[in-house]
Protein backbone atom coordinates (compact mmCIF):
# COMPACT_ATOMS: atom_id res chain seq x y z
CA GLN A 1 0.17 -0.20 0.04
CA VAL A 2 1.42 3.38 -1.17
CA GLN A 3 0.23 6.58 1.35
CA LEU A 4 0.35 10.08 -0.38
CA VAL A 5 0.50 13.19 1.42
CA GLU A 6 0.43 16.58 -0.48
CA SER A 7 1.64 19.63 1.11
CA GLY A 8 2.46 23.40 0.08
CA GLY A 9 -0.69 24.62 -1.00
CA GLU A 10 -1.53 28.44 -0.49
CA LEU A 11 -2.98 31.52 -1.22
CA VAL A 12 -1.14 33.11 -4.44
CA GLN A 13 -1.23 36.39 -6.65
CA PRO A 14 -2.02 36.02 -10.08
CA GLY A 15 1.79 36.03 -11.87
CA GLY A 16 3.00 34.23 -8.90
CA SER A 17 4.78 30.97 -8.37
CA LEU A 18 4.07 27.90 -6.23
CA ARG A 19 5.70 24.52 -5.63
CA VAL A 20 3.69 21.68 -4.21
CA SER A 21 5.04 18.43 -2.86
CA CYS A 22 3.70 14.58 -2.71
CA ALA A 23 5.64 12.64 -0.03
CA ALA A 24 5.04 8.77 -0.59
CA SER A 25 5.33 6.12 2.07
CA GLY A 26 4.97 2.75 2.36
CA ARG A 27 5.75 0.38 -0.25
CA THR A 28 8.81 1.60 -2.23
CA LEU A 29 8.06 3.20 -5.44
CA SER A 30 10.08 1.74 -8.45
CA ASP A 31 8.44 1.54 -11.84
CA ASN A 32 5.13 3.28 -10.44
CA THR A 33 3.84 5.91 -12.46
CA MET A 34 2.63 9.05 -10.10
CA ALA A 35 0.51 12.06 -11.22
CA TRP A 36 -1.08 15.54 -10.30
CA PHE A 37 -4.52 16.26 -11.09
CA ARG A 38 -6.65 19.08 -9.98
CA GLN A 39 -10.22 19.81 -9.16
CA ALA A 40 -11.90 23.10 -9.03
CA PRO A 41 -15.48 23.14 -7.47
CA GLY A 42 -18.02 21.86 -9.72
CA LYS A 43 -15.71 20.60 -12.13
CA GLU A 44 -14.45 17.16 -12.92
CA ARG A 45 -10.78 16.09 -11.77
CA GLU A 46 -8.68 17.01 -14.64
CA PHE A 47 -5.08 15.80 -15.56
CA VAL A 48 -2.18 18.19 -14.40
CA ALA A 49 1.02 15.94 -15.31
CA PHE A 50 2.83 12.38 -15.04
CA ILE A 51 6.29 11.19 -14.00
CA ARG A 52 7.50 7.55 -14.36
CA TRP A 53 9.43 7.08 -11.22
CA SER A 54 11.83 4.80 -12.50
CA ASP A 55 13.12 7.01 -15.79
CA GLY A 56 11.51 9.95 -15.08
CA LYS A 57 9.45 10.08 -18.33
CA ILE A 58 7.25 12.91 -17.99
CA ASP A 59 3.82 14.22 -19.57
CA SER A 60 2.20 17.46 -18.95
CA ALA A 61 -0.88 19.24 -19.81
CA GLU A 62 0.05 22.81 -18.80
CA GLY A 63 3.69 24.56 -20.17
CA ARG A 64 3.41 26.43 -17.04
CA PHE A 65 4.09 23.51 -14.79
CA SER A 66 7.01 21.32 -14.58
CA ILE A 67 6.94 17.95 -12.42
CA SER A 68 9.72 16.41 -10.91
CA ARG A 69 10.98 13.77 -8.23
CA ASP A 70 13.50 13.19 -5.91
CA LYS A 71 13.93 9.47 -5.60
CA ALA A 72 16.32 9.97 -2.41
CA LYS A 73 13.04 11.93 -0.46
CA ASN A 74 10.70 9.68 -2.19
CA THR A 75 8.60 13.12 -3.23
CA MET A 76 7.29 14.61 -6.10
CA TYR A 77 7.29 17.98 -6.58
CA LEU A 78 4.92 20.29 -9.25
CA GLN A 79 6.35 23.82 -9.86
CA MET A 80 4.01 26.15 -10.98
CA VAL A 81 4.60 29.59 -12.53
CA ASN A 82 2.68 32.38 -13.96
CA LEU A 83 0.04 31.45 -11.92
CA LYS A 84 -3.79 32.39 -13.08
CA PRO A 85 -7.02 32.61 -11.15
CA GLU A 86 -8.00 29.44 -13.26
CA ASP A 87 -5.10 27.63 -11.43
CA THR A 88 -7.57 27.64 -8.35
CA ALA A 89 -8.09 24.14 -7.66
CA VAL A 90 -7.21 21.24 -4.89
CA TYR A 91 -4.18 19.60 -6.00
CA TYR A 92 -4.17 15.78 -5.73
CA CYS A 93 -1.59 13.35 -6.49
CA ALA A 94 -1.99 9.99 -7.38
CA ALA A 95 -0.03 6.92 -8.02
CA THR A 96 -0.16 3.74 -9.97
CA ASP A 97 0.53 -0.07 -9.23
CA ASP A 98 1.25 -0.56 -12.64
CA THR A 99 4.89 -2.03 -13.39
CA VAL A 100 4.40 -1.59 -17.32
CA PHE A 101 4.07 1.47 -18.95
CA TYR A 102 1.17 1.36 -21.40
CA SER A 103 0.59 4.95 -23.25
CA ALA A 104 0.57 8.67 -22.03
CA SER A 105 -2.96 8.59 -22.62
CA TYR A 106 -3.57 5.77 -20.60
CA TYR A 107 -1.69 7.90 -17.56
CA ARG A 108 -3.80 11.19 -18.31
CA ARG A 109 -7.10 9.33 -16.94
CA PRO A 110 -7.74 9.48 -13.33
CA ALA A 111 -9.33 6.01 -13.01
CA THR A 112 -5.62 4.47 -13.72
CA TYR A 113 -4.49 5.40 -10.58
CA HIS A 114 -4.81 2.96 -7.22
CA HIS A 115 -3.56 5.61 -4.66
CA TRP A 116 -4.63 9.16 -4.05
CA GLY A 117 -3.86 11.76 -1.39
CA GLN A 118 -5.80 13.97 0.59
CA GLY A 119 -5.15 17.26 -1.55
CA THR A 120 -3.81 20.61 -1.14
CA GLN A 121 -5.71 23.76 -1.96
CA VAL A 122 -4.16 26.23 -4.19
CA THR A 123 -5.88 29.62 -4.39
CA VAL A 124 -4.98 32.33 -7.06
CA SER A 125 -6.56 35.59 -6.17
CA SER A 126 -5.30 39.10 -5.67
């Protein structure tokens, strides 16, 4: 079982930057894929970015956001720049149990992921 805990969400002014973190514990991550999703009030959960733990393969839906991981700390990050009010959402991290990589489109789907964190609130407002 993998436990995920997000942190770092806060109130940021438009145009600002923020880095949120996801600390993983429990089972050792190896070939798992981890991802960031976000959900705004009244909207569906949407894909932000994923990273394959073993080789760092990434995919991102937003050019202003960068995903990375620190294997030694078992932590994944999402660096966000030039934030906009429409980026306001709860940001969730997620992990799969898959050890085989299927396709980028597969990992853009929330249903692909077996483990979820509780989320961290990011609010972009002046």
